[in-house]
N, C-alpha and C. Protein backbone atom coordinates (compact mmCIF):
# COMPACT_ATOMS: atom_id res chain seq x y z
N MET A 1 0.84 -1.18 0.00
CA MET A 1 0.00 0.00 0.00
C MET A 1 0.88 1.24 0.00
N ILE A 2 0.42 2.26 -0.73
CA ILE A 2 1.07 3.56 -0.70
C ILE A 2 0.06 4.56 -0.14
N ILE A 3 0.46 5.28 0.88
CA ILE A 3 -0.37 6.33 1.46
C ILE A 3 0.09 7.65 0.87
N ASN A 4 -0.80 8.33 0.17
CA ASN A 4 -0.52 9.61 -0.47
C ASN A 4 -1.20 10.71 0.35
N ILE A 5 -0.42 11.65 0.84
CA ILE A 5 -0.97 12.71 1.69
C ILE A 5 -0.78 14.05 0.97
N HIS A 6 -1.89 14.65 0.60
CA HIS A 6 -1.87 15.90 -0.17
C HIS A 6 -1.50 17.10 0.68
N GLY A 7 -1.27 18.22 0.01
CA GLY A 7 -0.92 19.47 0.67
C GLY A 7 -2.13 20.23 1.18
N PHE A 8 -1.88 21.43 1.69
CA PHE A 8 -2.88 22.22 2.41
C PHE A 8 -4.17 22.44 1.64
N THR A 9 -4.12 22.87 0.41
CA THR A 9 -5.35 23.15 -0.34
C THR A 9 -5.69 22.03 -1.32
N GLY A 10 -5.04 20.89 -1.20
CA GLY A 10 -5.26 19.79 -2.12
C GLY A 10 -6.41 18.89 -1.72
N ASN A 11 -6.48 17.75 -2.40
CA ASN A 11 -7.48 16.73 -2.08
C ASN A 11 -6.91 15.37 -2.44
N GLY A 12 -7.59 14.35 -1.99
CA GLY A 12 -7.11 12.98 -2.18
C GLY A 12 -7.06 12.52 -3.62
N ASP A 13 -7.89 13.09 -4.47
CA ASP A 13 -7.87 12.73 -5.89
C ASP A 13 -7.02 13.75 -6.63
N ASN A 14 -5.73 13.76 -6.30
CA ASN A 14 -4.84 14.75 -6.88
C ASN A 14 -3.97 14.13 -7.97
N THR A 15 -3.13 14.94 -8.57
CA THR A 15 -2.26 14.50 -9.65
C THR A 15 -1.37 13.34 -9.22
N LYS A 16 -0.81 13.43 -8.02
CA LYS A 16 0.10 12.38 -7.55
C LYS A 16 -0.65 11.07 -7.32
N SER A 17 -1.85 11.15 -6.78
CA SER A 17 -2.65 9.95 -6.57
C SER A 17 -2.96 9.28 -7.91
N ARG A 18 -3.37 10.05 -8.89
CA ARG A 18 -3.67 9.49 -10.22
C ARG A 18 -2.40 8.92 -10.86
N TRP A 19 -1.26 9.61 -10.69
CA TRP A 19 -0.01 9.12 -11.24
C TRP A 19 0.38 7.80 -10.57
N LEU A 20 0.25 7.73 -9.25
CA LEU A 20 0.57 6.49 -8.54
C LEU A 20 -0.29 5.33 -9.04
N LYS A 21 -1.58 5.56 -9.20
CA LYS A 21 -2.48 4.50 -9.66
C LYS A 21 -2.13 4.03 -11.06
N ALA A 22 -1.64 4.93 -11.90
CA ALA A 22 -1.29 4.58 -13.28
C ALA A 22 0.10 3.98 -13.41
N ASN A 23 1.02 4.32 -12.51
CA ASN A 23 2.42 3.95 -12.69
C ASN A 23 2.97 2.95 -11.68
N ILE A 24 2.31 2.79 -10.57
CA ILE A 24 2.78 1.82 -9.56
C ILE A 24 1.58 0.94 -9.22
N VAL A 25 1.22 0.13 -10.20
CA VAL A 25 -0.03 -0.63 -10.14
C VAL A 25 0.02 -1.80 -9.17
N GLN A 26 1.20 -2.20 -8.72
CA GLN A 26 1.29 -3.34 -7.83
C GLN A 26 0.89 -3.01 -6.40
N HIS A 27 0.63 -1.73 -6.11
CA HIS A 27 0.27 -1.32 -4.75
C HIS A 27 -1.10 -0.64 -4.73
N GLU A 28 -1.85 -0.92 -3.68
CA GLU A 28 -3.08 -0.19 -3.41
C GLU A 28 -2.69 1.24 -3.03
N ILE A 29 -3.49 2.21 -3.45
CA ILE A 29 -3.22 3.61 -3.13
C ILE A 29 -4.31 4.09 -2.17
N PHE A 30 -3.89 4.58 -1.01
CA PHE A 30 -4.80 5.21 -0.05
C PHE A 30 -4.48 6.69 -0.08
N SER A 31 -5.46 7.50 -0.51
CA SER A 31 -5.23 8.93 -0.68
C SER A 31 -6.44 9.69 -0.13
N PRO A 32 -6.48 9.88 1.18
CA PRO A 32 -7.65 10.54 1.78
C PRO A 32 -7.64 12.05 1.52
N THR A 33 -8.83 12.62 1.50
CA THR A 33 -8.95 14.07 1.47
C THR A 33 -9.01 14.55 2.91
N ILE A 34 -8.13 15.49 3.25
CA ILE A 34 -8.03 15.98 4.62
C ILE A 34 -8.29 17.47 4.64
N ASP A 35 -9.19 17.90 5.51
CA ASP A 35 -9.45 19.33 5.70
C ASP A 35 -8.55 19.78 6.85
N TYR A 36 -7.36 20.25 6.50
CA TYR A 36 -6.37 20.61 7.51
C TYR A 36 -6.82 21.75 8.41
N ALA A 37 -7.53 22.71 7.85
CA ALA A 37 -7.94 23.88 8.64
C ALA A 37 -9.00 23.52 9.68
N ALA A 38 -9.79 22.49 9.40
CA ALA A 38 -10.88 22.14 10.30
C ALA A 38 -10.57 20.93 11.18
N SER A 39 -9.42 20.29 10.98
CA SER A 39 -9.10 19.07 11.71
C SER A 39 -7.96 19.29 12.69
N ASN A 40 -8.03 18.58 13.79
CA ASN A 40 -6.96 18.60 14.78
C ASN A 40 -5.78 17.80 14.24
N PRO A 41 -4.56 18.33 14.30
CA PRO A 41 -3.40 17.60 13.77
C PRO A 41 -3.19 16.22 14.40
N GLU A 42 -3.47 16.11 15.69
CA GLU A 42 -3.33 14.80 16.35
C GLU A 42 -4.31 13.78 15.77
N SER A 43 -5.53 14.23 15.44
CA SER A 43 -6.54 13.34 14.84
C SER A 43 -6.11 12.89 13.45
N ILE A 44 -5.53 13.80 12.69
CA ILE A 44 -5.05 13.46 11.35
C ILE A 44 -3.93 12.43 11.47
N LEU A 45 -2.99 12.66 12.37
CA LEU A 45 -1.89 11.72 12.55
C LEU A 45 -2.40 10.36 13.02
N GLU A 46 -3.40 10.36 13.87
CA GLU A 46 -3.98 9.10 14.34
C GLU A 46 -4.60 8.32 13.18
N LEU A 47 -5.34 9.00 12.31
CA LEU A 47 -5.95 8.35 11.14
C LEU A 47 -4.87 7.69 10.28
N LEU A 48 -3.81 8.43 10.00
CA LEU A 48 -2.74 7.93 9.14
C LEU A 48 -1.94 6.83 9.83
N SER A 49 -1.68 6.98 11.12
CA SER A 49 -0.96 5.94 11.88
C SER A 49 -1.75 4.65 11.92
N ASN A 50 -3.06 4.75 12.11
CA ASN A 50 -3.91 3.56 12.13
C ASN A 50 -3.88 2.84 10.80
N LYS A 51 -3.80 3.60 9.71
CA LYS A 51 -3.73 2.98 8.38
C LYS A 51 -2.44 2.18 8.24
N ILE A 52 -1.33 2.73 8.71
CA ILE A 52 -0.06 2.00 8.66
C ILE A 52 -0.13 0.77 9.55
N SER A 53 -0.65 0.93 10.75
CA SER A 53 -0.72 -0.19 11.70
C SER A 53 -1.62 -1.31 11.22
N SER A 54 -2.61 -0.99 10.39
CA SER A 54 -3.55 -2.01 9.92
C SER A 54 -3.00 -2.85 8.77
N CYS A 55 -1.85 -2.46 8.21
CA CYS A 55 -1.25 -3.23 7.12
C CYS A 55 -0.63 -4.50 7.69
N PRO A 56 -0.77 -5.62 6.96
CA PRO A 56 -0.13 -6.86 7.43
C PRO A 56 1.37 -6.68 7.59
N GLY A 57 1.98 -7.42 8.51
CA GLY A 57 3.39 -7.29 8.82
C GLY A 57 4.32 -7.42 7.63
N THR A 58 3.96 -8.27 6.67
CA THR A 58 4.83 -8.45 5.50
C THR A 58 4.61 -7.39 4.43
N ASP A 59 3.53 -6.66 4.53
CA ASP A 59 3.20 -5.64 3.53
C ASP A 59 3.47 -4.26 4.11
N SER A 60 4.75 -3.89 4.19
CA SER A 60 5.11 -2.59 4.74
C SER A 60 4.63 -1.48 3.81
N PRO A 61 3.79 -0.59 4.31
CA PRO A 61 3.31 0.49 3.45
C PRO A 61 4.41 1.49 3.12
N ARG A 62 4.15 2.28 2.11
CA ARG A 62 5.04 3.36 1.73
C ARG A 62 4.23 4.64 1.87
N VAL A 63 4.91 5.75 2.16
CA VAL A 63 4.21 7.01 2.39
C VAL A 63 4.81 8.07 1.48
N LEU A 64 3.93 8.83 0.84
CA LEU A 64 4.31 9.96 -0.01
C LEU A 64 3.52 11.16 0.47
N GLY A 65 4.22 12.23 0.84
CA GLY A 65 3.55 13.44 1.31
C GLY A 65 4.09 14.66 0.61
N SER A 66 3.18 15.57 0.27
CA SER A 66 3.56 16.81 -0.41
C SER A 66 3.20 18.00 0.47
N SER A 67 4.13 18.92 0.63
CA SER A 67 3.93 20.17 1.36
C SER A 67 3.45 19.88 2.78
N LEU A 68 2.26 20.32 3.17
CA LEU A 68 1.78 20.02 4.52
C LEU A 68 1.59 18.52 4.70
N GLY A 69 1.22 17.82 3.65
CA GLY A 69 1.13 16.36 3.72
C GLY A 69 2.48 15.73 4.04
N ALA A 70 3.57 16.40 3.61
CA ALA A 70 4.91 15.90 3.92
C ALA A 70 5.24 16.09 5.40
N PHE A 71 4.65 17.08 6.04
CA PHE A 71 4.80 17.22 7.50
C PHE A 71 4.28 15.95 8.17
N TYR A 72 3.10 15.49 7.74
CA TYR A 72 2.53 14.27 8.31
C TYR A 72 3.33 13.04 7.91
N ALA A 73 3.82 13.03 6.68
CA ALA A 73 4.65 11.90 6.25
C ALA A 73 5.91 11.83 7.11
N ARG A 74 6.49 12.97 7.44
CA ARG A 74 7.68 12.99 8.30
C ARG A 74 7.32 12.53 9.71
N CYS A 75 6.16 12.94 10.22
CA CYS A 75 5.71 12.45 11.53
C CYS A 75 5.58 10.93 11.50
N LEU A 76 4.99 10.39 10.43
CA LEU A 76 4.85 8.94 10.31
C LEU A 76 6.22 8.27 10.22
N ASN A 77 7.15 8.90 9.52
CA ASN A 77 8.50 8.37 9.41
C ASN A 77 9.18 8.31 10.78
N LEU A 78 8.91 9.28 11.63
CA LEU A 78 9.48 9.26 12.98
C LEU A 78 8.84 8.18 13.84
N LEU A 79 7.56 7.91 13.63
CA LEU A 79 6.86 6.88 14.39
C LEU A 79 7.12 5.47 13.84
N PHE A 80 7.28 5.38 12.52
CA PHE A 80 7.48 4.10 11.83
C PHE A 80 8.71 4.22 10.92
N PRO A 81 9.91 4.27 11.47
CA PRO A 81 11.11 4.53 10.65
C PRO A 81 11.38 3.47 9.59
N GLU A 82 10.83 2.27 9.75
CA GLU A 82 11.04 1.22 8.76
C GLU A 82 10.17 1.41 7.52
N THR A 83 9.27 2.38 7.57
CA THR A 83 8.38 2.66 6.45
C THR A 83 9.07 3.58 5.45
N THR A 84 9.13 3.15 4.20
CA THR A 84 9.71 3.98 3.15
C THR A 84 8.85 5.23 3.01
N THR A 85 9.48 6.39 3.10
CA THR A 85 8.77 7.67 3.13
C THR A 85 9.42 8.65 2.17
N VAL A 86 8.58 9.32 1.37
CA VAL A 86 9.05 10.34 0.44
C VAL A 86 8.37 11.66 0.77
N LEU A 87 9.17 12.69 0.99
CA LEU A 87 8.66 14.04 1.23
C LEU A 87 8.91 14.86 -0.03
N ILE A 88 7.86 15.51 -0.53
CA ILE A 88 8.00 16.39 -1.68
C ILE A 88 7.74 17.82 -1.22
N ASN A 89 8.74 18.69 -1.40
CA ASN A 89 8.65 20.08 -0.96
C ASN A 89 7.96 20.18 0.40
N PRO A 90 8.58 19.56 1.41
CA PRO A 90 7.91 19.47 2.71
C PRO A 90 7.78 20.80 3.45
N ALA A 91 6.62 20.98 4.04
CA ALA A 91 6.37 22.11 4.95
C ALA A 91 6.56 21.57 6.37
N LEU A 92 7.82 21.41 6.77
CA LEU A 92 8.13 20.78 8.05
C LEU A 92 7.88 21.67 9.25
N VAL A 93 7.71 22.96 9.03
CA VAL A 93 7.38 23.90 10.11
C VAL A 93 6.10 24.65 9.73
N PRO A 94 4.98 23.93 9.64
CA PRO A 94 3.74 24.57 9.18
C PRO A 94 3.25 25.67 10.10
N PHE A 95 3.66 25.63 11.36
CA PHE A 95 3.26 26.68 12.29
C PHE A 95 3.92 28.01 11.92
N LEU A 96 4.91 27.98 11.03
CA LEU A 96 5.51 29.20 10.49
C LEU A 96 5.00 29.48 9.08
N THR A 97 5.03 28.46 8.22
CA THR A 97 4.69 28.67 6.81
C THR A 97 3.20 28.86 6.57
N LEU A 98 2.35 28.34 7.43
CA LEU A 98 0.90 28.46 7.26
C LEU A 98 0.25 29.24 8.39
N ARG A 99 1.03 30.08 9.02
CA ARG A 99 0.53 30.88 10.15
C ARG A 99 -0.73 31.65 9.74
N GLY A 100 -1.73 31.57 10.58
CA GLY A 100 -3.00 32.25 10.31
C GLY A 100 -3.98 31.40 9.52
N ARG A 101 -3.53 30.27 9.00
CA ARG A 101 -4.41 29.41 8.21
C ARG A 101 -4.68 28.08 8.88
N ILE A 102 -3.86 27.73 9.90
CA ILE A 102 -4.02 26.50 10.66
C ILE A 102 -3.89 26.82 12.14
N ASP A 103 -4.19 25.84 12.99
CA ASP A 103 -4.03 25.99 14.43
C ASP A 103 -2.54 25.82 14.76
N CYS A 104 -1.82 26.91 14.74
CA CYS A 104 -0.36 26.87 14.89
C CYS A 104 0.08 26.24 16.20
N LYS A 105 -0.64 26.52 17.29
CA LYS A 105 -0.25 25.94 18.58
C LYS A 105 -0.36 24.42 18.57
N ALA A 106 -1.39 23.90 17.93
CA ALA A 106 -1.57 22.45 17.86
C ALA A 106 -0.47 21.82 17.00
N TYR A 107 -0.09 22.47 15.91
CA TYR A 107 0.99 21.94 15.07
C TYR A 107 2.34 22.03 15.78
N LEU A 108 2.56 23.11 16.50
CA LEU A 108 3.81 23.25 17.25
C LEU A 108 3.90 22.18 18.33
N ALA A 109 2.79 21.89 18.99
CA ALA A 109 2.77 20.85 20.02
C ALA A 109 3.09 19.48 19.42
N LEU A 110 2.52 19.18 18.26
CA LEU A 110 2.79 17.90 17.60
C LEU A 110 4.26 17.83 17.17
N PHE A 111 4.76 18.90 16.59
CA PHE A 111 6.16 18.98 16.18
C PHE A 111 7.07 18.74 17.39
N ALA A 112 6.79 19.41 18.49
CA ALA A 112 7.62 19.27 19.70
C ALA A 112 7.54 17.86 20.27
N ARG A 113 6.36 17.25 20.21
CA ARG A 113 6.17 15.91 20.76
C ARG A 113 7.00 14.87 20.00
N LEU A 114 7.20 15.07 18.70
CA LEU A 114 7.89 14.08 17.90
C LEU A 114 9.35 14.41 17.60
N ALA A 115 9.74 15.65 17.80
CA ALA A 115 11.09 16.08 17.41
C ALA A 115 12.19 15.29 18.10
N TYR A 116 11.98 14.88 19.34
CA TYR A 116 13.02 14.15 20.07
C TYR A 116 13.31 12.80 19.42
N ARG A 117 12.35 12.22 18.70
CA ARG A 117 12.55 10.92 18.07
C ARG A 117 13.62 10.98 16.99
N ASP A 118 13.75 12.13 16.36
CA ASP A 118 14.73 12.28 15.29
C ASP A 118 16.14 12.06 15.81
N ASP A 119 16.46 12.57 16.99
CA ASP A 119 17.79 12.40 17.56
C ASP A 119 18.08 10.95 17.92
N ALA A 120 17.03 10.21 18.27
CA ALA A 120 17.21 8.82 18.69
C ALA A 120 17.28 7.86 17.50
N MET A 121 16.85 8.31 16.31
CA MET A 121 16.78 7.43 15.16
C MET A 121 18.08 7.54 14.35
N SER A 122 18.67 6.41 14.08
CA SER A 122 19.89 6.44 13.27
C SER A 122 19.52 6.68 11.82
N ASN A 123 20.40 7.33 11.11
CA ASN A 123 20.19 7.63 9.69
C ASN A 123 20.06 6.35 8.88
N GLU A 124 20.76 5.29 9.29
CA GLU A 124 20.72 4.02 8.55
C GLU A 124 19.36 3.34 8.69
N LYS A 125 18.73 3.50 9.84
CA LYS A 125 17.44 2.85 10.09
C LYS A 125 16.32 3.52 9.29
N SER A 126 16.42 4.80 9.10
CA SER A 126 15.38 5.55 8.43
C SER A 126 15.35 5.26 6.93
N ARG A 127 14.17 5.18 6.39
CA ARG A 127 13.97 5.02 4.95
C ARG A 127 13.34 6.28 4.38
N LEU A 128 13.90 7.40 4.78
CA LEU A 128 13.38 8.70 4.40
C LEU A 128 14.08 9.19 3.12
N HIS A 129 13.27 9.76 2.21
CA HIS A 129 13.77 10.36 0.97
C HIS A 129 13.08 11.71 0.83
N VAL A 130 13.79 12.69 0.27
CA VAL A 130 13.24 14.03 0.12
C VAL A 130 13.47 14.51 -1.31
N ILE A 131 12.42 15.08 -1.89
CA ILE A 131 12.51 15.69 -3.22
C ILE A 131 12.11 17.15 -3.05
N ILE A 132 13.01 18.06 -3.45
CA ILE A 132 12.68 19.48 -3.35
C ILE A 132 12.95 20.17 -4.68
N GLY A 133 12.15 21.18 -4.95
CA GLY A 133 12.38 22.02 -6.11
C GLY A 133 13.28 23.18 -5.71
N ASP A 134 14.28 23.47 -6.53
CA ASP A 134 15.19 24.56 -6.16
C ASP A 134 14.60 25.94 -6.45
N SER A 135 13.40 25.98 -7.01
CA SER A 135 12.70 27.25 -7.26
C SER A 135 11.38 27.30 -6.51
N ASP A 136 11.31 26.60 -5.38
CA ASP A 136 10.10 26.60 -4.56
C ASP A 136 9.85 28.02 -4.06
N GLU A 137 8.72 28.58 -4.45
CA GLU A 137 8.40 29.96 -4.11
C GLU A 137 7.75 30.11 -2.74
N LEU A 138 7.41 29.01 -2.08
CA LEU A 138 6.73 29.06 -0.79
C LEU A 138 7.61 28.66 0.39
N ILE A 139 8.55 27.77 0.16
CA ILE A 139 9.36 27.25 1.27
C ILE A 139 10.84 27.42 0.95
N ASP A 140 11.55 28.01 1.89
CA ASP A 140 13.00 28.15 1.79
C ASP A 140 13.60 26.87 2.36
N HIS A 141 13.92 25.94 1.48
CA HIS A 141 14.39 24.63 1.93
C HIS A 141 15.76 24.67 2.61
N GLU A 142 16.57 25.66 2.29
CA GLU A 142 17.87 25.78 2.94
C GLU A 142 17.71 26.05 4.44
N HIS A 143 16.65 26.78 4.82
CA HIS A 143 16.46 27.16 6.23
C HIS A 143 15.30 26.44 6.91
N MET A 144 14.33 25.94 6.15
CA MET A 144 13.14 25.35 6.77
C MET A 144 12.98 23.85 6.49
N THR A 145 13.89 23.27 5.74
CA THR A 145 13.81 21.83 5.46
C THR A 145 15.11 21.15 5.84
N LYS A 146 16.19 21.51 5.17
CA LYS A 146 17.46 20.81 5.37
C LYS A 146 17.91 20.77 6.83
N PRO A 147 17.78 21.84 7.61
CA PRO A 147 18.20 21.75 9.02
C PRO A 147 17.37 20.78 9.85
N LEU A 148 16.18 20.42 9.37
CA LEU A 148 15.31 19.52 10.13
C LEU A 148 15.43 18.07 9.69
N LEU A 149 16.32 17.79 8.77
CA LEU A 149 16.57 16.42 8.33
C LEU A 149 17.66 15.82 9.21
N PRO A 150 17.75 14.49 9.23
CA PRO A 150 18.79 13.86 10.06
C PRO A 150 20.19 14.36 9.70
N PRO A 151 21.11 14.34 10.65
CA PRO A 151 22.48 14.77 10.37
C PRO A 151 23.09 13.96 9.21
N ASN A 152 23.84 14.62 8.36
CA ASN A 152 24.50 13.98 7.21
C ASN A 152 23.52 13.28 6.27
N PHE A 153 22.31 13.81 6.18
CA PHE A 153 21.28 13.20 5.34
C PHE A 153 21.70 13.26 3.87
N GLN A 154 21.60 12.12 3.18
CA GLN A 154 22.07 12.02 1.80
C GLN A 154 20.97 11.77 0.77
N ARG A 155 19.82 11.30 1.18
CA ARG A 155 18.78 10.90 0.22
C ARG A 155 17.86 12.08 -0.12
N ILE A 156 18.48 13.11 -0.69
CA ILE A 156 17.73 14.31 -1.08
C ILE A 156 17.95 14.54 -2.57
N HIS A 157 16.86 14.75 -3.27
CA HIS A 157 16.90 14.99 -4.72
C HIS A 157 16.45 16.43 -4.95
N VAL A 158 17.29 17.21 -5.59
CA VAL A 158 16.96 18.60 -5.90
C VAL A 158 16.59 18.68 -7.37
N ILE A 159 15.40 19.16 -7.64
CA ILE A 159 14.89 19.27 -9.00
C ILE A 159 15.12 20.70 -9.49
N ARG A 160 15.95 20.84 -10.49
CA ARG A 160 16.25 22.17 -11.05
C ARG A 160 14.99 22.78 -11.66
N GLY A 161 14.70 24.01 -11.24
CA GLY A 161 13.53 24.71 -11.75
C GLY A 161 12.22 24.27 -11.12
N GLY A 162 12.27 23.33 -10.18
CA GLY A 162 11.06 22.80 -9.55
C GLY A 162 10.40 23.83 -8.65
N ARG A 163 9.13 24.08 -8.88
CA ARG A 163 8.35 25.01 -8.08
C ARG A 163 7.69 24.24 -6.93
N HIS A 164 6.90 24.94 -6.10
CA HIS A 164 6.29 24.28 -4.94
C HIS A 164 5.34 23.16 -5.38
N ARG A 165 4.49 23.44 -6.33
CA ARG A 165 3.63 22.38 -6.86
C ARG A 165 4.43 21.63 -7.92
N LEU A 166 5.30 20.77 -7.43
CA LEU A 166 6.27 20.09 -8.27
C LEU A 166 5.57 19.22 -9.31
N GLU A 167 5.88 19.47 -10.56
CA GLU A 167 5.29 18.70 -11.66
C GLU A 167 5.89 17.30 -11.69
N LEU A 168 5.06 16.35 -12.10
CA LEU A 168 5.53 14.97 -12.20
C LEU A 168 6.20 14.76 -13.56
N THR A 169 7.36 15.35 -13.70
CA THR A 169 8.16 15.22 -14.91
C THR A 169 8.73 13.80 -14.97
N PRO A 170 9.30 13.40 -16.10
CA PRO A 170 9.95 12.09 -16.15
C PRO A 170 11.04 11.94 -15.08
N GLU A 171 11.74 13.02 -14.77
CA GLU A 171 12.77 12.96 -13.73
C GLU A 171 12.15 12.64 -12.37
N VAL A 172 11.11 13.38 -11.99
CA VAL A 172 10.45 13.16 -10.70
C VAL A 172 9.78 11.78 -10.69
N GLY A 173 9.10 11.42 -11.78
CA GLY A 173 8.47 10.11 -11.86
C GLY A 173 9.47 8.98 -11.71
N GLY A 174 10.65 9.12 -12.32
CA GLY A 174 11.68 8.10 -12.20
C GLY A 174 12.17 7.94 -10.77
N ILE A 175 12.32 9.07 -10.09
CA ILE A 175 12.74 9.03 -8.68
C ILE A 175 11.67 8.31 -7.85
N LEU A 176 10.40 8.69 -8.06
CA LEU A 176 9.32 8.06 -7.29
C LEU A 176 9.23 6.55 -7.57
N LYS A 177 9.34 6.18 -8.83
CA LYS A 177 9.29 4.75 -9.17
C LYS A 177 10.42 3.98 -8.49
N SER A 178 11.62 4.55 -8.51
CA SER A 178 12.76 3.84 -7.91
C SER A 178 12.61 3.67 -6.40
N ILE A 179 11.94 4.61 -5.75
CA ILE A 179 11.78 4.54 -4.29
C ILE A 179 10.55 3.73 -3.90
N LEU A 180 9.43 3.92 -4.59
CA LEU A 180 8.16 3.36 -4.15
C LEU A 180 7.82 1.99 -4.73
N SER A 181 8.46 1.60 -5.81
CA SER A 181 8.13 0.30 -6.44
C SER A 181 8.67 -0.87 -5.64
């Protein structure tokens, strides 16, 4: 199973979900629509955690998150480090990047609750991958993404000319296929 988590203004039937269904047919795709502004972050994380926990032991799910969805994908990666996880243009500090549009205190509390796990997790154990556009107009990845990744993190793909709503070019599709298949 692949869990696809959309960004702040997105929905479950998004471009990435349709691409996954067309290109990685060996896996079931779970792509819920989440109303981030109206939902408690802990409830969202619980829904997604329960989905991972419900997968049979031999069928380790994979997680793909974009923007705010990548915040949740990173939370899941901290809770389930053995789960292959891909973050696309992650909004890892949504209490800063989406201030005034979400419950910042609730997101900060969730961030603080899970941040300690990153220090305890070895880089080798984690199956985390990050794809960022070098022309992301919404997130400064040098200051708001890279410092929040594990020390000496190597599995980062920088897409030249990639904007925040990263297009599924052959380059990006190839990266996703190599990680998620």
